[in-house]
Protein backbone atom coordinates (compact mmCIF):
# COMPACT_ATOMS: atom_id res chain seq x y z
CA MET A 1 18.12 22.38 -25.13
CA GLN A 2 20.01 19.31 -24.15
CA ASN A 3 20.33 20.31 -20.44
CA ALA A 4 16.46 20.64 -20.30
CA SER A 5 16.07 17.37 -21.88
CA ALA A 6 18.61 15.61 -19.54
CA SER A 7 16.93 17.32 -16.60
CA SER A 8 13.67 16.09 -17.80
CA THR A 9 14.90 12.50 -18.14
CA SER A 10 16.55 12.59 -14.65
CA HIS A 11 13.09 14.00 -13.15
CA HIS A 12 11.31 11.20 -14.81
CA HIS A 13 13.63 8.67 -13.49
CA ASP A 14 13.36 10.22 -10.05
CA MET A 15 9.53 10.03 -10.16
CA SER A 16 9.71 6.44 -11.61
CA SER A 17 11.86 5.22 -8.79
CA SER A 18 9.63 6.99 -6.26
CA ASN A 19 6.50 5.26 -7.86
CA THR A 20 8.40 1.95 -7.53
CA SER A 21 9.10 2.43 -4.04
CA ARG A 22 5.58 3.45 -3.19
CA ILE A 23 4.26 0.46 -5.07
CA HIS A 24 6.72 -1.91 -3.12
CA SER A 25 5.81 -0.23 0.18
CA CYS A 26 2.06 -0.80 -0.59
CA ALA A 27 2.66 -4.56 -1.45
CA GLN A 28 4.31 -4.88 1.83
CA LEU A 29 1.58 -3.29 3.67
CA ILE A 30 -0.91 -5.56 1.96
CA GLN A 31 1.23 -8.57 2.85
CA GLU A 32 1.39 -7.41 6.46
CA TYR A 33 -2.36 -6.96 6.63
CA THR A 34 -3.27 -10.19 5.11
CA SER A 35 -0.88 -11.92 7.42
CA THR A 36 -3.01 -10.78 10.56
CA LEU A 37 -6.31 -12.03 9.11
CA THR A 38 -8.06 -14.97 10.85
CA PRO A 39 -8.96 -17.96 8.73
CA PHE A 40 -12.63 -16.69 8.69
CA GLU A 41 -11.38 -13.20 7.45
CA GLN A 42 -9.16 -14.87 4.87
CA LYS A 43 -12.32 -16.77 3.56
CA GLY A 44 -14.22 -13.49 3.21
CA LEU A 45 -11.29 -11.84 1.38
CA ALA A 46 -11.13 -14.72 -1.06
CA ILE A 47 -14.85 -14.55 -1.62
CA ALA A 48 -14.83 -10.74 -2.14
CA MET A 49 -11.88 -10.96 -4.70
CA GLU A 50 -13.72 -13.83 -6.45
CA HIS A 51 -16.96 -11.87 -6.74
CA LEU A 52 -15.54 -8.43 -7.49
CA GLY A 53 -12.83 -9.74 -9.68
CA PRO A 54 -10.46 -6.95 -11.16
CA SER A 55 -12.73 -4.28 -9.61
CA PHE A 56 -11.48 -5.40 -6.14
CA ASP A 57 -8.85 -3.12 -4.84
CA MET A 58 -7.22 -4.11 -1.55
CA LYS A 59 -5.89 -0.55 -0.94
CA ARG A 60 -9.44 0.72 -0.97
CA SER A 61 -11.10 -2.12 1.07
CA SER A 62 -12.55 -1.02 4.48
CA GLY A 63 -10.62 -3.72 6.43
CA PHE A 64 -7.24 -2.65 4.94
CA LEU A 65 -8.01 1.03 5.54
CA ARG A 66 -9.03 0.43 9.19
CA TRP A 67 -5.99 -1.85 9.69
CA LYS A 68 -3.69 0.80 8.17
CA ASP A 69 -5.10 3.60 10.38
CA THR A 70 -4.67 1.43 13.55
CA GLN A 71 -0.86 0.76 12.44
CA GLN A 72 -0.49 4.50 12.00
CA GLN A 73 -1.98 5.24 15.47
CA ALA A 74 0.20 2.80 17.11
CA LYS A 75 3.30 4.17 15.38
CA THR A 76 2.19 7.60 16.42
CA LEU A 77 1.78 6.49 20.02
CA LYS A 78 5.31 4.90 20.14
CA THR A 79 6.86 7.98 18.78
CA THR A 80 5.11 10.26 21.32
CA GLU A 81 6.06 8.03 24.25
CA LYS A 82 9.75 8.31 23.60
């Protein structure tokens, strides 16, 4: 019985560290995205965040999703060109 418990705890720890990595990675992506915004876009983002409050989710915003797709396409192109 102890082995199952220890295994479960270990599995939970692995999932927890995986979630932490994913959260950190997402935060990095958001930081990269916001650093590419023009002053006009930054103003628009600030207004959206102010108006939508806690319901605003950068990860689901159309601008962030388009930027992320563009980044992935660029990465794919670099990989196929090698």
